C-alpha atoms as a PDB file:
ATOM      1  CA  UNK A   1    -115.245   8.038 -50.291  1.00  0.00           C
ATOM      2  CA  UNK A   2    -111.687   7.804 -51.563  1.00  0.00           C
ATOM      3  CA  UNK A   3    -110.330   9.091 -54.836  1.00  0.00           C
ATOM      4  CA  UNK A   4    -109.573   6.628 -57.580  1.00  0.00           C
ATOM      5  CA  UNK A   5    -106.539   6.707 -59.816  1.00  0.00           C
ATOM      6  CA  UNK A   6    -106.560   5.786 -63.484  1.00  0.00           C
ATOM      7  CA  UNK A   7    -103.721   5.918 -65.977  1.00  0.00           C
ATOM      8  CA  UNK A   8    -103.946   6.037 -69.752  1.00  0.00           C
ATOM      9  CA  UNK A   9    -103.019   2.892 -71.658  1.00  0.00           C
ATOM     10  CA  UNK A  10    -102.677   4.863 -74.879  1.00  0.00           C
ATOM     11  CA  UNK A  11    -104.249   7.618 -76.931  1.00  0.00           C
ATOM     12  CA  UNK A  12    -106.543   8.208 -79.883  1.00  0.00           C
ATOM     13  CA  UNK A  13    -104.853   9.465 -83.017  1.00  0.00           C
ATOM     14  CA  UNK A  14    -106.910  11.109 -85.754  1.00  0.00           C
ATOM     15  CA  UNK A  15    -104.537  12.101 -88.518  1.00  0.00           C
ATOM     16  CA  UNK A  16    -103.312  11.677 -92.051  1.00  0.00           C
ATOM     17  CA  UNK A  17    -102.645   7.985 -91.358  1.00  0.00           C
ATOM     18  CA  UNK A  18    -106.269   7.440 -90.358  1.00  0.00           C
ATOM     19  CA  UNK A  19    -107.882   6.836 -87.003  1.00  0.00           C
ATOM     20  CA  UNK A  20    -106.215   4.546 -84.529  1.00  0.00           C
ATOM     21  CA  UNK A  21    -105.421   3.870 -80.921  1.00  0.00           C
ATOM     22  CA  UNK A  22    -101.753   4.032 -80.112  1.00  0.00           C
ATOM     23  CA  UNK A  23    -101.129   1.749 -77.140  1.00  0.00           C
ATOM     24  CA  UNK A  24     -98.253   2.570 -74.796  1.00  0.00           C
ATOM     25  CA  UNK A  25     -95.327   0.127 -75.148  1.00  0.00           C
ATOM     26  CA  UNK A  26     -95.801  -1.479 -71.721  1.00  0.00           C
ATOM     27  CA  UNK A  27     -99.403  -2.417 -72.651  1.00  0.00           C
ATOM     28  CA  UNK A  28     -98.730  -3.919 -76.094  1.00  0.00           C
ATOM     29  CA  UNK A  29     -98.654  -7.463 -74.608  1.00  0.00           C
ATOM     30  CA  UNK A  30    -102.248  -6.863 -73.422  1.00  0.00           C
ATOM     31  CA  UNK A  31    -103.358  -6.846 -77.084  1.00  0.00           C
ATOM     32  CA  UNK A  32    -102.699 -10.572 -77.509  1.00  0.00           C
ATOM     33  CA  UNK A  33    -105.696 -12.585 -78.788  1.00  0.00           C
ATOM     34  CA  UNK A  34    -107.705  -9.550 -79.931  1.00  0.00           C
ATOM     35  CA  UNK A  35    -107.533 -10.968 -83.472  1.00  0.00           C
ATOM     36  CA  UNK A  36    -110.976 -11.866 -84.709  1.00  0.00           C
ATOM     37  CA  UNK A  37    -112.943  -9.319 -82.661  1.00  0.00           C
ATOM     38  CA  UNK A  38    -114.615  -6.959 -85.120  1.00  0.00           C
ATOM     39  CA  UNK A  39    -115.315  -4.280 -82.517  1.00  0.00           C
ATOM     40  CA  UNK A  40    -113.827  -2.953 -79.302  1.00  0.00           C
ATOM     41  CA  UNK A  41    -115.345  -1.000 -76.501  1.00  0.00           C
ATOM     42  CA  UNK A  42    -113.016   1.900 -75.872  1.00  0.00           C
ATOM     43  CA  UNK A  43    -113.103   3.636 -72.512  1.00  0.00           C
ATOM     44  CA  UNK A  44    -111.614   7.077 -72.835  1.00  0.00           C
ATOM     45  CA  UNK A  45    -111.296  10.359 -70.960  1.00  0.00           C
ATOM     46  CA  UNK A  46    -113.136  13.492 -72.114  1.00  0.00           C
ATOM     47  CA  UNK A  47    -109.877  15.356 -71.473  1.00  0.00           C
ATOM     48  CA  UNK A  48    -111.068  18.531 -73.199  1.00  0.00           C
ATOM     49  CA  UNK A  49    -113.880  18.817 -70.628  1.00  0.00           C
ATOM     50  CA  UNK A  50    -112.082  17.974 -67.405  1.00  0.00           C
ATOM     51  CA  UNK A  51    -112.570  21.030 -65.222  1.00  0.00           C
ATOM     52  CA  UNK A  52    -114.195  21.666 -61.842  1.00  0.00           C
ATOM     53  CA  UNK A  53    -117.007  23.553 -63.615  1.00  0.00           C
ATOM     54  CA  UNK A  54    -117.748  20.714 -66.040  1.00  0.00           C
ATOM     55  CA  UNK A  55    -117.609  18.131 -63.261  1.00  0.00           C
ATOM     56  CA  UNK A  56    -120.184  20.087 -61.240  1.00  0.00           C
ATOM     57  CA  UNK A  57    -122.902  19.846 -63.917  1.00  0.00           C
ATOM     58  CA  UNK A  58    -125.711  17.438 -63.007  1.00  0.00           C
ATOM     59  CA  UNK A  59    -128.558  18.767 -65.175  1.00  0.00           C
ATOM     60  CA  UNK A  60    -128.704  20.436 -68.564  1.00  0.00           C
ATOM     61  CA  UNK A  61    -131.449  22.286 -70.394  1.00  0.00           C
ATOM     62  CA  UNK A  62    -133.020  20.228 -73.184  1.00  0.00           C
ATOM     63  CA  UNK A  63    -129.951  19.090 -75.173  1.00  0.00           C
ATOM     64  CA  UNK A  64    -132.032  17.184 -77.727  1.00  0.00           C
ATOM     65  CA  UNK A  65    -134.956  18.748 -79.570  1.00  0.00           C
ATOM     66  CA  UNK A  66    -137.476  16.149 -78.398  1.00  0.00           C
ATOM     67  CA  UNK A  67    -136.113  15.730 -74.867  1.00  0.00           C
ATOM     68  CA  UNK A  68    -137.739  16.988 -71.654  1.00  0.00           C
ATOM     69  CA  UNK A  69    -137.036  20.626 -70.722  1.00  0.00           C
ATOM     70  CA  UNK A  70    -134.362  19.549 -68.213  1.00  0.00           C
ATOM     71  CA  UNK A  71    -132.306  16.376 -68.511  1.00  0.00           C
ATOM     72  CA  UNK A  72    -130.071  14.796 -65.891  1.00  0.00           C
ATOM     73  CA  UNK A  73    -126.518  14.470 -67.146  1.00  0.00           C
ATOM     74  CA  UNK A  74    -126.654  10.663 -66.807  1.00  0.00           C
ATOM     75  CA  UNK A  75    -129.428  10.645 -69.447  1.00  0.00           C
ATOM     76  CA  UNK A  76    -126.997  12.185 -71.953  1.00  0.00           C
ATOM     77  CA  UNK A  77    -123.742  11.253 -73.610  1.00  0.00           C
ATOM     78  CA  UNK A  78    -122.396  14.711 -72.877  1.00  0.00           C
ATOM     79  CA  UNK A  79    -118.709  15.155 -72.083  1.00  0.00           C
ATOM     80  CA  UNK A  80    -119.717  17.474 -69.252  1.00  0.00           C
ATOM     81  CA  UNK A  81    -120.247  15.191 -66.256  1.00  0.00           C
ATOM     82  CA  UNK A  82    -118.969  14.404 -62.743  1.00  0.00           C
ATOM     83  CA  UNK A  83    -116.359  11.998 -64.120  1.00  0.00           C
ATOM     84  CA  UNK A  84    -115.511  12.716 -67.759  1.00  0.00           C
ATOM     85  CA  UNK A  85    -115.518   9.081 -68.854  1.00  0.00           C
ATOM     86  CA  UNK A  86    -116.620   8.022 -72.305  1.00  0.00           C
ATOM     87  CA  UNK A  87    -117.460   4.671 -73.836  1.00  0.00           C
ATOM     88  CA  UNK A  88    -117.415   4.106 -77.586  1.00  0.00           C
ATOM     89  CA  UNK A  89    -117.880   0.979 -79.619  1.00  0.00           C
ATOM     90  CA  UNK A  90    -115.386   1.104 -82.467  1.00  0.00           C
ATOM     91  CA  UNK A  91    -114.886  -1.156 -85.475  1.00  0.00           C
ATOM     92  CA  UNK A  92    -111.394  -2.585 -85.830  1.00  0.00           C
ATOM     93  CA  UNK A  93    -109.744  -2.503 -89.259  1.00  0.00           C
ATOM     94  CA  UNK A  94    -106.524  -4.173 -88.173  1.00  0.00           C
ATOM     95  CA  UNK A  95    -104.100  -4.473 -85.294  1.00  0.00           C
ATOM     96  CA  UNK A  96    -100.378  -3.838 -85.701  1.00  0.00           C
ATOM     97  CA  UNK A  97     -98.949  -5.700 -82.723  1.00  0.00           C
ATOM     98  CA  UNK A  98     -95.407  -4.491 -83.401  1.00  0.00           C
ATOM     99  CA  UNK A  99     -96.380  -0.820 -83.202  1.00  0.00           C
ATOM    100  CA  UNK A 100     -99.179  -1.250 -80.677  1.00  0.00           C
ATOM    101  CA  UNK A 101    -101.595   0.351 -83.106  1.00  0.00           C
ATOM    102  CA  UNK A 102    -105.277  -0.526 -83.468  1.00  0.00           C
ATOM    103  CA  UNK A 103    -106.675   0.942 -86.672  1.00  0.00           C
ATOM    104  CA  UNK A 104    -110.356   1.923 -86.446  1.00  0.00           C
ATOM    105  CA  UNK A 105    -113.007   2.958 -88.933  1.00  0.00           C
ATOM    106  CA  UNK A 106    -114.105   5.787 -86.592  1.00  0.00           C
ATOM    107  CA  UNK A 107    -114.264   6.884 -82.982  1.00  0.00           C
ATOM    108  CA  UNK A 108    -116.013   9.931 -81.572  1.00  0.00           C
ATOM    109  CA  UNK A 109    -112.942  11.068 -79.627  1.00  0.00           C
ATOM    110  CA  UNK A 110    -110.630  13.926 -80.443  1.00  0.00           C
ATOM    111  CA  UNK A 111    -107.024  13.537 -81.501  1.00  0.00           C
ATOM    112  CA  UNK A 112    -104.690  12.809 -78.552  1.00  0.00           C
ATOM    113  CA  UNK A 113    -107.571  11.791 -76.274  1.00  0.00           C
ATOM    114  CA  UNK A 114    -106.348   9.511 -73.464  1.00  0.00           C
ATOM    115  CA  UNK A 115    -107.570   5.907 -73.692  1.00  0.00           C
ATOM    116  CA  UNK A 116    -108.109   4.249 -70.305  1.00  0.00           C
ATOM    117  CA  UNK A 117    -109.066   0.710 -71.262  1.00  0.00           C
ATOM    118  CA  UNK A 118    -110.143  -1.593 -74.080  1.00  0.00           C
ATOM    119  CA  UNK A 119    -112.613  -4.439 -73.957  1.00  0.00           C
ATOM    120  CA  UNK A 120    -113.625  -6.752 -76.793  1.00  0.00           C
ATOM    121  CA  UNK A 121    -117.221  -6.327 -77.906  1.00  0.00           C
ATOM    122  CA  UNK A 122    -118.962  -9.638 -77.300  1.00  0.00           C
ATOM    123  CA  UNK A 123    -122.656  -9.959 -78.185  1.00  0.00           C
ATOM    124  CA  UNK A 124    -123.287 -12.411 -75.356  1.00  0.00           C
ATOM    125  CA  UNK A 125    -122.468  -9.678 -72.818  1.00  0.00           C
ATOM    126  CA  UNK A 126    -122.843  -6.394 -74.686  1.00  0.00           C
ATOM    127  CA  UNK A 127    -125.792  -6.731 -77.032  1.00  0.00           C
ATOM    128  CA  UNK A 128    -129.331  -6.089 -75.903  1.00  0.00           C
ATOM    129  CA  UNK A 129    -131.889  -7.505 -78.343  1.00  0.00           C
ATOM    130  CA  UNK A 130    -134.816  -5.276 -77.404  1.00  0.00           C
ATOM    131  CA  UNK A 131    -133.641  -2.229 -75.486  1.00  0.00           C
ATOM    132  CA  UNK A 132    -136.133   0.353 -74.299  1.00  0.00           C
ATOM    133  CA  UNK A 133    -135.512   4.063 -74.710  1.00  0.00           C
ATOM    134  CA  UNK A 134    -137.655   7.117 -73.929  1.00  0.00           C
ATOM    135  CA  UNK A 135    -140.101   8.297 -76.582  1.00  0.00           C
ATOM    136  CA  UNK A 136    -138.021  11.442 -77.224  1.00  0.00           C
ATOM    137  CA  UNK A 137    -135.177   9.361 -78.691  1.00  0.00           C
ATOM    138  CA  UNK A 138    -137.034   6.281 -79.954  1.00  0.00           C
ATOM    139  CA  UNK A 139    -136.619   7.409 -83.583  1.00  0.00           C
ATOM    140  CA  UNK A 140    -132.801   7.333 -83.342  1.00  0.00           C
ATOM    141  CA  UNK A 141    -130.961   4.566 -85.239  1.00  0.00           C
ATOM    142  CA  UNK A 142    -131.102   1.091 -83.748  1.00  0.00           C
ATOM    143  CA  UNK A 143    -127.453   0.254 -84.438  1.00  0.00           C
ATOM    144  CA  UNK A 144    -124.049   1.743 -85.064  1.00  0.00           C
ATOM    145  CA  UNK A 145    -124.093   0.790 -88.740  1.00  0.00           C
ATOM    146  CA  UNK A 146    -127.060   3.028 -89.580  1.00  0.00           C
ATOM    147  CA  UNK A 147    -126.075   5.763 -87.145  1.00  0.00           C
ATOM    148  CA  UNK A 148    -123.531   7.333 -89.486  1.00  0.00           C
ATOM    149  CA  UNK A 149    -126.224   8.201 -92.048  1.00  0.00           C
ATOM    150  CA  UNK A 150    -128.649   9.633 -89.487  1.00  0.00           C
ATOM    151  CA  UNK A 151    -129.112  13.446 -89.523  1.00  0.00           C
ATOM    152  CA  UNK A 152    -127.786  13.965 -85.977  1.00  0.00           C
ATOM    153  CA  UNK A 153    -127.500  17.722 -86.547  1.00  0.00           C
ATOM    154  CA  UNK A 154    -131.306  17.846 -86.521  1.00  0.00           C
ATOM    155  CA  UNK A 155    -131.436  16.304 -83.038  1.00  0.00           C
ATOM    156  CA  UNK A 156    -129.297  18.677 -81.001  1.00  0.00           C
ATOM    157  CA  UNK A 157    -129.783  22.202 -79.758  1.00  0.00           C
ATOM    158  CA  UNK A 158    -126.131  23.102 -80.219  1.00  0.00           C
END
């Protein structure tokens, strides 16, 4: 197997000016025609967890209170994984094409996190009407809109 190379197209900024993705100048033209999409899928790098030790983790002890005693890392959204990739669906407030800035309501990435790619959220390809999940997480919110009010702190063992 050969190694793959990826390069950031920008970074997440969480600051006094709000939450946004700052796109590198050479990628600003790639933002054309994003107007009208309410959400983006943001592929980003868990840069704070990129170490040989974190990449070696394949199983974790019960990260969620109702989960099995041992959970494979692919059954979690943990940053500790063989390739520290993350995928978040983020709501777009507005796009400043001149600055290459995409203002978001929220993203679960830290300040200065490298962004690898952006894709428009399209229900015809991204929405699943009746997804199945294991019993241990079936009581979690059914959409991103109600997720923010859910008591997530009661779900985790950390």
